[in-house]
Structures are given as C-alpha cells and as structure tokens.
Amino acid sequence: MGAYLARVMTCASLVLGVIVGSGTITVDAMSIVTRREIREPPEWKGTLEKPDSSVCPSNFTNPRNAPFIFKCKAAIIGNVENVNAFTPGPWEDKGDLDWAFLRQYWRTGKHFYFSATQCDGGQAKIADAGAKMEAEQWARKRVTRWNNELGRSKFRPFLEFRQLKVEYSCIPGVLSNPGPTAEEREDEEAEGKANDIADAKEAKERSQAANAVKFQITSNDKKKIRIAFYSTARRNAWPSFDRSYIVDAYDTKDYNYPLSCIRGEQICYGAWREDDRSIYWGVGYNNEKSCTNCCTTCGSGTKIVSLQAGPDGPPPNSLTVRMRSLDPRRVQVEFYSQSYRRAWPGGSKAYTLADSEFHEYNINCQKGEKICYGAWREGNSNSYWGVGMNDHDGCTNCCMTCGTGTHSHTLQPGSNSPGGGSGVGSGVSEAIGAGIAIGSALGGIISRGGGGGGTVIRRPNPPNYSGDYQPGRSGISGGR
C-alpha cells in the first residue's frame, strides 16, 4: 500500500509539474506537499525566446500615442552566490527540495534567470529602448521578490541571486484590452503591496524625523574625547548624565549620534578631554559652559560638528582652581604661594563662597610654584579649611602646583564652635587632571575678616617682583 501511494505521489508530481495555459502558471505537487520556501526560476540555456505573442499587457495603453509599439522581453541572468560563508548541513544535502534546486547553480557554473515582458511606444521602427527598460524594471522586481523569499528561508542570510548579465528580445506589439494574466495580477498585487509598505515606511520616517535629531561629529584632537548631549528645555541628557560617548585620540572618522527627542526642544553638544575636563567644546562637561552655535532644534535634521584639536597641555604659568563650600555659613578663601611672598587675591582681600556651587579662579603663577588654599568662616577664622587665614597652618591635599591645569576642592561642613574646622584637609580634593582653564572666577572679592588671625609667613619675592604685592597682578578674573 505504501509503495502504491508513493507511485501515486510521483505521478501527481509529474502531471502537475507541467506548464499550464500560456506558460504563466506552474503548479508543482511536491512544492505543495513539502511547503517549499522558494520558487524555481528556469535555467538559462543561452538564448532568450521571443515574447509569446505581439499582444501588449493590459496595463499598457500607449499614453504618448507613439506611432510604433514594441513588445520586449528582458531576462536577468545570474546564479546563486554566497553573501557570507556558507556550508550546507547534512539535512540539506540529503533531502531538502529547496537545496536540491539551489545546488544546481551554487558553484556549478550553471545559470538561471528572471524575465518579464512589457510594451512601450517609439517614434521609429527601431526605437525599442523604452520597452526594454520597462521589461527590465519588472524583471528586477521579480529578482527582489525572490531574494526576499530566499532571505526568509532557512538559508538566510548566506545565499542570494547575483546578476551576471541582461538580455532582451523584442517584436512589434499591438494594443489589446484583455483581462490581466495570472503573472500580471501577481505583479500588480506585489506592486501595490510594495507601494503600501513604502508609504507606511515614509510616514513612519517623517514621524520619527519630527521627534529626532542627529549630530555628526568628528574630532582631530590628540587625546581621547568624551561627548554628551543636553536638552535646554528639560533635565535630560544623552546617553545620560553619568555616561558619555567616547572618541579615541587621533580618530578622525565621522560619528553619527541619532537622538530621540521632543519636537522643538533645543539640544546642545558638550565634549571634553577624558583626562582634563577643562579642555572642552560646546557646553562642556555636564552642560556647565555656554557656547555659540553648538545647539540645534529637535526635528531639524543633522547638525555637523568638527571638534578642532585642543592645546597640547595646560599653560605652564597658570593654575585653575574650582572651589565650593557645603558649610551653612559664608566662607572666605584665599590662595597662598608656598614658594614666593604673594597671595591671591592679596591686598587684605579674599573671595567669598556664599552658596554651594563651584566657583572658578584663574591664577597667573610661575611653573612649578606650590600654591595652597586657605578658607575660613566669615567672621570666625578659627573655623577653617586648608592652611586657613594668612596661611597659618599646615594641611593635607590643599596644595597644587602651577602649570598642572585644573583642580577642584569641596569644603565639607565645619563645626559651629571655634576651631571646628580642620587645618589638615577638611576640604575634599577633587583634582580632575591637567588642562587649560576656560572661564572666569566665580567668587566675589571682598575685604577679608575673621575672629582669628595667624602670623603672615615671609617668603622670597617672585621673579621680576618689585615693591609691594599688587592684587591686580594675580591674574584672577571676575566672579559670580
């Protein structure tokens, strides 16, 4: 009984595998039984047959009223090639019908083809170029559909049809209005689906573009760069406030950063050297700086940015100090040279820290000069940090070296009683590496005052020093 059924199935395969009607519909019983995943285009025998008849497809109406009509058949000829490395598995070698077809053309030198027939008008008896082009376009759509079938099959993404050449065969055509053939209906249906998919994709892209922006950034800096993006309309950052993108040193490739955002919001880029945040571009680290032309609007497309190389290192005769106080009282701060007889701002003045924000001070000094900060509660110099008022005590982690870039210090809350501050490092040092200071001092300069005192330590005058120290020579820029 089993052998009989096998013979019946074999006969059914042979009978149903023939070409029916005009040659546009092929039914394969084994394809139905085994749920074959791909269709089998015909093998290329070396010659393209002429179109079956001179009657043009129903979708051609000679819209330009051309005096001559041509019906052309185009064939795209090729074979199966590797997209990636591919080795057939044992199950494919033994019984898979799709692989049985593909292996006829994979590395065998044999070819198969996809064809289509279309009409077009011409102004002369040999003007068949338009019909050839129309036919080739439809043949290419069939190639695309077949490659999509192959891509969705078990062989994805290893094989695809690769074109080797295109051939044409043309005859005079005549107009007709019969109903479309099965092949034409398939083309029209596929074309309609493709248009629907394209329209949906375009609508989605328009919607996404309205709520997105892209930065294209390149850097030729000698150091590793970190990049982040900040919204000016809300507290939001890309990739986040505690993360950033990285561009390696000497990496001059273009990098694209697509960001999802709210249409209309302003987004700014900030970039800084990984080993020195004081070297920055745009709004810098954590959106701390102001900028010109570093922002764009969500939905406006792509902003192209080129980060020009920063300096090789910090200026040798400068130092930048960032200070903040977390103490509940107003705090005064001054900077004292340990190498020469001078201070900043000097002249019996001090900077005032009246809030908990960082304030930045730029100091002109001699390369290698040791400089320490002294801070104290306003009106009570017995509560102090660092070397205190008038540089009267020792400290830990409160001194810096001129020419080493930017250093940050945070003064932790001190005691309310006299002497509650520590002369050995109540301030927490947050050195952030060498670099050039960009910006201005942010603490106000006022006459200093305090309940304590201390002895002023006498040191040698700095190079080219003459007369009493003048505050204007300190190089401290204004404050906030």
Protein backbone atom coordinates (compact mmCIF):
# COMPACT_ATOMS: atom_id res chain seq x y z
CA MET A 1 0.00 0.00 0.00
CA GLY A 2 2.83 2.37 0.94
CA ALA A 3 4.61 1.70 -2.35
CA TYR A 4 1.37 2.36 -4.24
CA LEU A 5 0.90 5.74 -2.54
CA ALA A 6 4.48 6.62 -3.31
CA ARG A 7 3.87 5.83 -7.01
CA VAL A 8 0.67 7.94 -6.98
CA MET A 9 2.51 10.90 -5.47
CA THR A 10 5.28 10.55 -8.04
CA CYS A 11 2.75 10.57 -10.88
CA ALA A 12 0.97 13.56 -9.38
CA SER A 13 4.26 15.38 -9.26
CA LEU A 14 4.93 14.61 -12.90
CA VAL A 15 1.45 15.59 -14.07
CA LEU A 16 1.09 18.79 -12.08
CA GLY A 17 4.62 19.88 -12.80
CA VAL A 18 3.84 20.73 -16.43
CA ILE A 19 3.27 24.22 -17.75
CA VAL A 20 -0.41 25.15 -17.99
CA GLY A 21 -2.09 27.50 -20.50
CA SER A 22 0.10 30.32 -21.75
CA GLY A 23 3.06 29.33 -19.62
CA THR A 24 2.44 31.86 -16.88
CA ILE A 25 1.28 29.43 -14.14
CA THR A 26 3.28 26.44 -12.91
CA VAL A 27 1.98 24.08 -10.20
CA ASP A 28 4.35 21.65 -8.52
CA ALA A 29 2.75 18.96 -6.36
CA MET A 30 5.94 18.43 -4.35
CA SER A 31 6.02 22.15 -3.66
CA ILE A 32 2.59 21.84 -2.10
CA VAL A 33 3.34 18.67 -0.16
CA THR A 34 6.67 19.82 1.34
CA ARG A 35 5.82 23.52 1.77
CA ARG A 36 8.73 24.63 -0.34
CA GLU A 37 10.07 28.05 0.70
CA ILE A 38 11.37 29.36 -2.63
CA ARG A 39 10.26 29.19 -6.25
CA GLU A 40 12.36 27.65 -9.03
CA PRO A 41 13.19 30.10 -11.85
CA PRO A 42 14.05 28.49 -15.22
CA GLU A 43 17.60 27.53 -16.15
CA TRP A 44 19.37 29.75 -18.66
CA LYS A 45 20.07 27.80 -21.84
CA GLY A 46 21.96 30.52 -23.69
CA THR A 47 19.14 32.03 -25.80
CA LEU A 48 16.19 34.21 -24.81
CA GLU A 49 12.96 33.23 -26.51
CA LYS A 50 10.81 35.92 -28.13
CA PRO A 51 7.61 37.07 -26.41
CA ASP A 52 4.76 34.53 -26.77
CA SER A 53 2.58 36.94 -28.77
CA SER A 54 2.53 40.52 -30.02
CA VAL A 55 -0.43 41.49 -27.79
CA CYS A 56 0.65 44.00 -25.17
CA PRO A 57 -0.20 43.58 -21.46
CA SER A 58 -3.42 45.23 -20.39
CA ASN A 59 -1.62 47.83 -18.31
CA PHE A 60 -0.14 49.43 -21.47
CA THR A 61 -2.36 51.98 -23.29
CA ASN A 62 0.23 53.87 -25.41
CA PRO A 63 -0.31 57.12 -23.47
CA ARG A 64 2.01 59.14 -25.74
CA ASN A 65 0.26 57.93 -28.95
CA ALA A 66 3.57 56.74 -30.35
CA PRO A 67 3.39 55.60 -33.99
CA PHE A 68 5.27 52.37 -33.25
CA ILE A 69 4.72 49.91 -30.43
CA PHE A 70 7.27 47.39 -29.23
CA LYS A 71 6.87 44.38 -27.02
CA CYS A 72 10.12 43.39 -25.35
CA LYS A 73 11.17 40.58 -23.08
CA ALA A 74 14.04 41.19 -20.64
CA ALA A 75 15.89 38.43 -18.80
CA ILE A 76 18.20 39.00 -15.83
CA ILE A 77 20.63 36.10 -15.81
CA GLY A 78 22.71 35.00 -12.85
CA ASN A 79 23.37 32.34 -10.27
CA VAL A 80 23.40 31.71 -6.52
CA GLU A 81 26.31 33.26 -4.66
CA ASN A 82 27.46 33.45 -1.04
CA VAL A 83 26.61 36.56 0.94
CA ASN A 84 28.51 35.15 3.93
CA ALA A 85 30.46 31.96 4.39
CA PHE A 86 28.10 29.06 3.79
CA THR A 87 28.45 25.30 4.19
CA PRO A 88 25.35 23.16 3.62
CA GLY A 89 24.32 20.97 6.54
CA PRO A 90 23.76 17.21 6.28
CA TRP A 91 19.99 17.58 6.25
CA GLU A 92 20.26 19.93 3.24
CA ASP A 93 22.44 17.52 1.29
CA LYS A 94 20.11 14.59 1.83
CA GLY A 95 16.53 15.59 1.22
CA ASP A 96 15.68 19.28 1.19
CA LEU A 97 13.92 20.18 -2.08
CA ASP A 98 14.93 23.85 -1.97
CA TRP A 99 18.56 22.88 -1.57
CA ALA A 100 18.18 20.35 -4.38
CA PHE A 101 17.29 23.26 -6.65
CA LEU A 102 19.89 25.70 -5.34
CA ARG A 103 22.81 23.30 -5.51
CA GLN A 104 22.32 23.05 -9.30
CA TYR A 105 23.53 26.66 -9.51
CA TRP A 106 25.75 27.09 -6.44
CA ARG A 107 29.37 26.80 -7.62
CA THR A 108 28.43 24.76 -10.71
CA GLY A 109 28.75 27.37 -13.48
CA LYS A 110 25.08 26.96 -14.41
CA HIS A 111 22.76 29.98 -14.54
CA PHE A 112 19.05 30.70 -14.20
CA TYR A 113 17.05 33.82 -14.97
CA PHE A 114 14.07 36.04 -14.17
CA SER A 115 12.15 37.56 -17.08
CA ALA A 116 9.31 39.99 -17.72
CA THR A 117 7.56 41.31 -20.83
CA GLN A 118 6.36 44.87 -21.35
CA CYS A 119 5.36 47.23 -24.16
CA ASP A 120 6.27 50.82 -24.93
CA GLY A 121 5.93 53.22 -27.82
CA GLY A 122 8.62 54.66 -30.06
CA GLN A 123 8.97 57.26 -32.78
CA ALA A 124 10.82 54.95 -35.19
CA LYS A 125 10.84 51.32 -36.20
CA ILE A 126 13.97 50.64 -34.15
CA ALA A 127 13.10 52.77 -31.10
CA ASP A 128 12.59 49.87 -28.71
CA ALA A 129 14.74 51.22 -25.83
CA GLY A 130 11.69 52.24 -23.77
CA ALA A 131 10.13 48.76 -23.98
CA LYS A 132 13.42 47.15 -23.00
CA MET A 133 13.74 49.41 -19.98
CA GLU A 134 10.16 48.76 -18.84
CA ALA A 135 10.60 45.00 -19.14
CA GLU A 136 13.92 45.08 -17.28
CA GLN A 137 12.38 47.07 -14.40
CA TRP A 138 9.67 44.42 -13.91
CA ALA A 139 12.23 41.61 -14.13
CA ARG A 140 14.27 43.29 -11.41
CA LYS A 141 11.22 43.45 -9.15
CA ARG A 142 10.87 39.68 -9.55
CA VAL A 143 14.54 39.25 -8.63
CA THR A 144 13.94 41.30 -5.48
CA ARG A 145 10.89 39.28 -4.50
CA TRP A 146 12.78 36.01 -4.98
CA ASN A 147 15.76 37.20 -2.95
CA ASN A 148 13.32 38.18 -0.21
CA GLU A 149 11.89 34.66 -0.27
CA LEU A 150 15.40 33.26 -0.05
CA GLY A 151 16.27 35.65 2.77
CA ARG A 152 13.29 34.46 4.79
CA SER A 153 14.15 30.80 4.20
CA LYS A 154 16.39 28.53 6.20
CA PHE A 155 19.38 29.74 4.17
CA ARG A 156 19.19 33.36 5.33
CA PRO A 157 21.47 35.28 5.23
CA PHE A 158 24.01 33.17 3.40
CA LEU A 159 22.86 32.97 -0.26
CA GLU A 160 21.31 35.29 -2.83
CA PHE A 161 20.81 35.67 -6.58
CA ARG A 162 23.60 37.66 -8.21
CA GLN A 163 23.13 39.17 -11.69
CA LEU A 164 25.67 38.34 -14.40
CA LYS A 165 24.05 39.95 -17.45
CA VAL A 166 20.77 41.16 -19.02
CA GLU A 167 19.44 40.10 -22.42
CA TYR A 168 16.46 41.33 -24.47
CA SER A 169 14.19 40.02 -27.21
CA CYS A 170 11.72 42.38 -28.96
CA ILE A 171 8.92 42.14 -31.53
CA PRO A 172 6.32 44.65 -32.83
CA GLY A 173 3.45 44.99 -30.37
CA VAL A 174 -0.28 45.63 -30.69
CA LEU A 175 -2.75 47.12 -28.25
CA SER A 176 -5.33 44.92 -26.63
CA ASN A 177 -7.64 45.05 -23.64
CA PRO A 178 -7.96 41.50 -22.35
CA GLY A 179 -8.02 40.80 -18.65
CA PRO A 180 -4.61 40.55 -16.96
CA THR A 181 -2.84 37.20 -16.88
CA ALA A 182 -2.07 35.47 -13.61
CA GLU A 183 1.53 36.68 -13.84
CA GLU A 184 0.40 40.28 -14.41
CA ARG A 185 -2.02 40.05 -11.47
CA GLU A 186 0.83 38.85 -9.26
CA ASP A 187 3.00 41.77 -10.40
CA GLU A 188 0.22 44.30 -9.79
CA GLU A 189 -0.55 42.86 -6.36
CA ALA A 190 3.13 42.87 -5.39
CA GLU A 191 3.49 46.42 -6.71
CA GLY A 192 0.50 47.55 -4.66
CA LYS A 193 1.88 45.94 -1.51
CA ALA A 194 5.29 47.46 -2.16
CA ASN A 195 3.71 50.91 -2.55
CA ASP A 196 1.73 50.45 0.67
CA ILE A 197 4.87 49.37 2.53
CA ALA A 198 6.85 52.28 1.07
CA ASP A 199 4.10 54.76 2.03
CA ALA A 200 3.92 53.38 5.57
CA LYS A 201 7.70 53.49 5.89
CA GLU A 202 7.81 57.07 4.61
CA ALA A 203 5.08 58.14 7.07
CA LYS A 204 6.93 56.46 9.93
CA GLU A 205 10.21 58.11 8.92
CA ARG A 206 8.51 61.51 8.76
CA SER A 207 7.07 60.98 12.22
CA GLN A 208 10.39 59.80 13.62
CA ALA A 209 12.27 62.66 11.94
CA ALA A 210 9.97 65.18 13.61
CA ASN A 211 10.93 63.73 17.01
CA ALA A 212 14.59 63.13 16.36
CA VAL A 213 17.81 64.94 15.62
CA LYS A 214 21.23 63.71 14.58
CA PHE A 215 24.66 65.08 15.37
CA GLN A 216 27.54 64.14 13.08
CA ILE A 217 30.76 64.79 14.96
CA THR A 218 34.40 64.38 14.03
CA SER A 219 37.45 65.17 16.16
CA ASN A 220 41.13 65.50 15.34
CA ASP A 221 42.23 66.01 18.93
CA LYS A 222 45.33 64.27 20.23
CA LYS A 223 43.53 62.97 23.31
CA LYS A 224 40.52 60.75 23.94
CA ILE A 225 37.33 62.81 23.85
CA ARG A 226 34.04 62.26 25.67
CA ILE A 227 30.76 63.59 24.23
CA ALA A 228 27.26 64.03 25.62
CA PHE A 229 24.15 65.94 24.56
CA TYR A 230 21.92 68.10 26.76
CA SER A 231 18.39 69.46 26.43
CA THR A 232 17.87 73.13 27.29
CA ALA A 233 14.12 72.62 27.77
CA ARG A 234 14.18 69.85 30.38
CA ARG A 235 16.62 67.94 32.53
CA ASN A 236 17.64 65.31 30.03
CA ALA A 237 20.94 64.10 28.60
CA TRP A 238 22.06 61.57 26.00
CA PRO A 239 23.21 58.92 26.72
CA SER A 240 22.67 60.06 30.36
CA PHE A 241 24.09 62.46 32.94
CA ASP A 242 26.51 59.84 34.28
CA ARG A 243 27.53 58.35 30.93
CA SER A 244 29.06 59.67 27.70
CA TYR A 245 30.18 58.64 24.23
CA ILE A 246 33.92 58.18 23.53
CA VAL A 247 36.06 59.18 20.54
CA ASP A 248 39.61 57.85 20.64
CA ALA A 249 42.69 60.01 20.22
CA TYR A 250 43.57 60.86 16.60
CA ASP A 251 40.29 59.25 15.46
CA THR A 252 39.14 61.49 12.61
CA LYS A 253 36.19 59.38 11.42
CA ASP A 254 32.69 60.85 11.33
CA TYR A 255 30.45 59.55 14.11
CA ASN A 256 26.66 59.83 13.95
CA TYR A 257 24.57 60.25 17.10
CA PRO A 258 20.81 59.94 16.41
CA LEU A 259 18.76 61.18 19.37
CA SER A 260 15.06 60.71 20.12
CA CYS A 261 13.69 63.97 21.47
CA ILE A 262 10.64 66.22 21.77
CA ARG A 263 9.95 68.20 18.64
CA GLY A 264 11.11 71.80 19.00
CA GLU A 265 13.40 71.38 22.02
CA GLN A 266 16.94 72.72 21.81
CA ILE A 267 19.73 70.18 22.20
CA CYS A 268 23.40 71.13 22.69
CA TYR A 269 26.51 69.05 22.49
CA GLY A 270 29.22 69.05 25.13
CA ALA A 271 32.65 67.49 24.61
CA TRP A 272 35.72 67.36 26.80
CA ARG A 273 39.02 65.58 27.10
CA GLU A 274 38.77 62.43 29.15
CA ASP A 275 41.86 63.32 31.20
CA ASP A 276 41.11 67.04 31.52
CA ARG A 277 37.58 68.45 31.59
CA SER A 278 38.92 71.99 31.36
CA ILE A 279 39.65 71.35 27.67
CA TYR A 280 36.15 71.38 26.26
CA TRP A 281 33.97 72.11 23.24
CA GLY A 282 30.33 73.24 23.13
CA VAL A 283 28.76 73.30 26.61
CA GLY A 284 31.50 71.07 28.01
CA TYR A 285 31.12 68.51 30.75
CA ASN A 286 27.66 68.25 32.35
CA ASN A 287 26.37 71.28 30.41
CA GLU A 288 28.46 73.59 32.61
CA LYS A 289 29.59 76.08 29.94
CA SER A 290 27.94 78.44 27.49
CA CYS A 291 28.55 78.17 23.77
CA THR A 292 27.91 79.67 20.35
CA ASN A 293 26.45 77.55 17.55
CA CYS A 294 26.61 74.29 19.49
CA CYS A 295 22.85 73.68 19.71
CA THR A 296 20.18 72.55 17.28
CA THR A 297 16.41 72.01 17.28
CA CYS A 298 14.78 68.58 17.54
CA GLY A 299 13.29 67.72 14.15
CA SER A 300 15.72 69.88 12.16
CA GLY A 301 17.77 67.03 10.69
CA THR A 302 21.54 66.62 11.04
CA LYS A 303 23.96 69.04 12.67
CA ILE A 304 27.55 68.58 11.51
CA VAL A 305 30.24 69.40 14.08
CA SER A 306 34.02 69.39 13.72
CA LEU A 307 35.96 69.46 17.00
CA GLN A 308 39.28 71.13 16.28
CA ALA A 309 42.30 69.88 18.18
CA GLY A 310 42.80 71.45 21.61
CA PRO A 311 46.16 72.57 23.04
CA ASP A 312 48.90 70.07 23.82
CA GLY A 313 48.70 70.78 27.54
CA PRO A 314 47.91 73.39 30.19
CA PRO A 315 49.68 76.76 30.12
CA PRO A 316 52.88 76.41 32.15
CA ASN A 317 52.33 79.70 34.05
CA SER A 318 48.75 79.31 35.18
CA LEU A 319 46.58 77.34 37.57
CA THR A 320 42.81 76.99 37.70
CA VAL A 321 41.08 76.17 40.98
CA ARG A 322 37.39 75.27 41.33
CA MET A 323 36.07 75.74 44.86
CA ARG A 324 32.73 75.18 46.53
CA SER A 325 31.58 75.17 50.14
CA LEU A 326 28.92 72.94 51.69
CA ASP A 327 29.21 74.76 55.03
CA PRO A 328 25.98 76.51 56.18
CA ARG A 329 27.94 79.76 56.80
CA ARG A 330 29.51 82.13 54.30
CA VAL A 331 33.12 81.16 53.69
CA GLN A 332 36.10 83.25 52.56
CA VAL A 333 39.01 81.76 50.62
CA GLU A 334 42.47 82.93 49.59
CA PHE A 335 45.35 81.26 47.77
CA TYR A 336 48.91 81.43 49.11
CA SER A 337 52.17 80.79 47.33
CA GLN A 338 54.49 78.47 49.24
CA SER A 339 57.40 79.43 47.00
CA TYR A 340 57.19 83.23 46.97
CA ARG A 341 55.79 86.07 49.06
CA ARG A 342 52.42 86.56 47.42
CA ALA A 343 48.76 85.59 47.62
CA TRP A 344 45.62 85.72 45.50
CA PRO A 345 43.67 87.98 45.51
CA GLY A 346 46.01 89.52 48.15
CA GLY A 347 45.88 93.08 49.44
CA SER A 348 43.88 92.06 52.55
CA LYS A 349 41.08 90.75 50.33
CA ALA A 350 39.51 87.33 49.91
CA TYR A 351 36.95 85.56 47.74
CA THR A 352 33.56 84.77 49.23
CA LEU A 353 31.73 81.47 48.78
CA ALA A 354 28.10 82.36 49.54
CA ASP A 355 26.45 79.27 48.02
CA SER A 356 27.14 75.60 47.40
CA GLU A 357 28.05 75.98 43.69
CA PHE A 358 31.53 75.61 42.22
CA HIS A 359 33.40 78.89 41.69
CA GLU A 360 36.38 79.01 39.36
CA TYR A 361 39.60 81.01 39.87
CA ASN A 362 42.38 81.51 37.31
CA ILE A 363 45.81 82.27 38.78
CA ASN A 364 48.88 83.59 36.96
CA CYS A 365 51.93 82.00 38.56
CA GLN A 366 55.37 80.52 37.87
CA LYS A 367 55.59 76.98 36.54
CA GLY A 368 56.26 74.58 39.41
CA GLU A 369 55.22 77.11 42.08
CA LYS A 370 53.39 75.49 45.00
CA ILE A 371 50.07 77.15 45.87
CA CYS A 372 47.73 76.23 48.76
CA TYR A 373 44.24 77.38 49.55
CA GLY A 374 43.15 78.73 52.91
CA ALA A 375 39.48 79.14 53.77
CA TRP A 376 37.60 80.20 56.88
CA ARG A 377 34.15 81.09 58.05
CA GLU A 378 33.42 84.75 57.51
CA GLY A 379 33.93 86.47 60.86
CA ASN A 380 35.49 83.41 62.52
CA SER A 381 38.88 82.37 61.15
CA ASN A 382 39.21 79.76 63.91
CA SER A 383 36.86 77.57 61.86
CA TYR A 384 38.98 76.97 58.80
CA TRP A 385 39.96 74.65 55.95
CA GLY A 386 43.30 74.12 54.23
CA VAL A 387 46.04 76.41 55.57
CA GLY A 388 43.44 78.80 56.99
CA MET A 389 43.56 82.58 57.03
CA ASN A 390 47.02 84.13 56.41
CA ASP A 391 48.50 80.69 55.58
CA HIS A 392 48.95 80.00 59.30
CA ASP A 393 48.62 76.18 59.40
CA GLY A 394 49.59 73.01 57.59
CA CYS A 395 47.19 70.88 55.55
CA THR A 396 46.72 67.66 53.58
CA ASN A 397 45.51 67.75 49.97
CA CYS A 398 45.06 71.53 49.90
CA CYS A 399 48.09 72.45 47.76
CA MET A 400 48.60 72.44 43.99
CA THR A 401 51.43 73.03 41.53
CA CYS A 402 51.36 75.86 38.98
CA GLY A 403 51.08 74.56 35.39
CA THR A 404 49.14 71.39 36.22
CA GLY A 405 45.80 72.59 34.91
CA THR A 406 42.54 72.49 36.85
CA HIS A 407 41.95 71.29 40.41
CA SER A 408 38.65 71.09 42.31
CA HIS A 409 38.08 71.24 46.05
CA THR A 410 34.91 70.87 48.10
CA LEU A 411 34.82 72.29 51.63
CA GLN A 412 32.78 69.98 53.84
CA PRO A 413 30.57 71.45 56.61
CA GLY A 414 32.62 72.59 59.64
CA SER A 415 31.75 72.94 63.33
CA ASN A 416 29.71 75.87 64.70
CA SER A 417 32.17 76.24 67.59
CA PRO A 418 35.58 77.97 67.29
CA GLY A 419 38.21 75.65 65.94
CA GLY A 420 35.62 73.33 64.42
CA GLY A 421 37.27 73.47 61.03
CA SER A 422 40.26 71.29 60.26
CA GLY A 423 43.64 72.55 59.22
CA VAL A 424 44.54 69.13 57.87
CA GLY A 425 42.20 68.76 54.99
CA SER A 426 38.55 69.42 55.80
CA GLY A 427 38.33 70.23 52.13
CA VAL A 428 37.89 67.17 49.89
CA SER A 429 40.23 67.42 46.90
CA GLU A 430 38.73 66.53 43.55
CA ALA A 431 41.65 67.01 41.18
CA ILE A 432 40.39 66.50 37.65
CA GLY A 433 43.64 66.41 35.70
CA ALA A 434 45.81 68.77 33.76
CA GLY A 435 44.35 71.22 31.30
CA ILE A 436 43.85 74.83 30.31
CA ALA A 437 41.27 76.73 32.32
CA ILE A 438 38.48 78.20 30.22
CA GLY A 439 36.14 80.53 32.04
CA SER A 440 36.33 83.05 34.88
CA ALA A 441 36.50 83.12 38.66
CA LEU A 442 33.08 82.79 40.16
CA GLY A 443 33.52 84.02 43.72
CA GLY A 444 33.21 87.66 44.73
CA ILE A 445 36.26 89.51 46.12
CA ILE A 446 35.66 91.37 49.39
CA SER A 447 37.78 92.59 52.26
CA ARG A 448 38.50 89.61 54.44
CA GLY A 449 37.59 89.46 58.09
CA GLY A 450 37.71 86.94 60.90
CA GLY A 451 37.87 86.50 64.60
CA GLY A 452 41.20 84.72 64.41
CA GLY A 453 44.41 85.81 62.91
CA GLY A 454 47.65 83.97 62.50
CA THR A 455 51.10 85.06 61.51
CA VAL A 456 51.90 86.04 57.93
CA ILE A 457 54.78 83.86 56.73
CA ARG A 458 57.51 85.77 54.89
CA ARG A 459 58.87 84.18 51.74
CA PRO A 460 61.09 85.44 48.88
CA ASN A 461 59.68 87.71 46.21
CA PRO A 462 58.64 86.05 42.94
CA PRO A 463 60.82 86.56 39.82
CA ASN A 464 60.70 90.13 38.40
CA TYR A 465 58.95 91.22 41.62
CA SER A 466 59.39 94.85 42.75
CA GLY A 467 57.69 96.67 45.60
CA ASP A 468 54.60 95.60 47.47
CA TYR A 469 52.30 92.98 46.02
CA GLN A 470 49.51 94.37 43.87
CA PRO A 471 46.26 92.35 43.66
CA GLY A 472 45.89 93.22 40.00
CA ARG A 473 48.87 91.00 39.18
CA SER A 474 47.21 87.89 40.47
CA GLY A 475 45.52 87.03 37.19
CA ILE A 476 42.23 86.34 38.96
CA SER A 477 39.35 87.11 36.65
CA GLY A 478 35.92 88.31 37.87
CA GLY A 479 33.40 86.29 39.79
CA ARG A 480 29.89 85.08 40.10
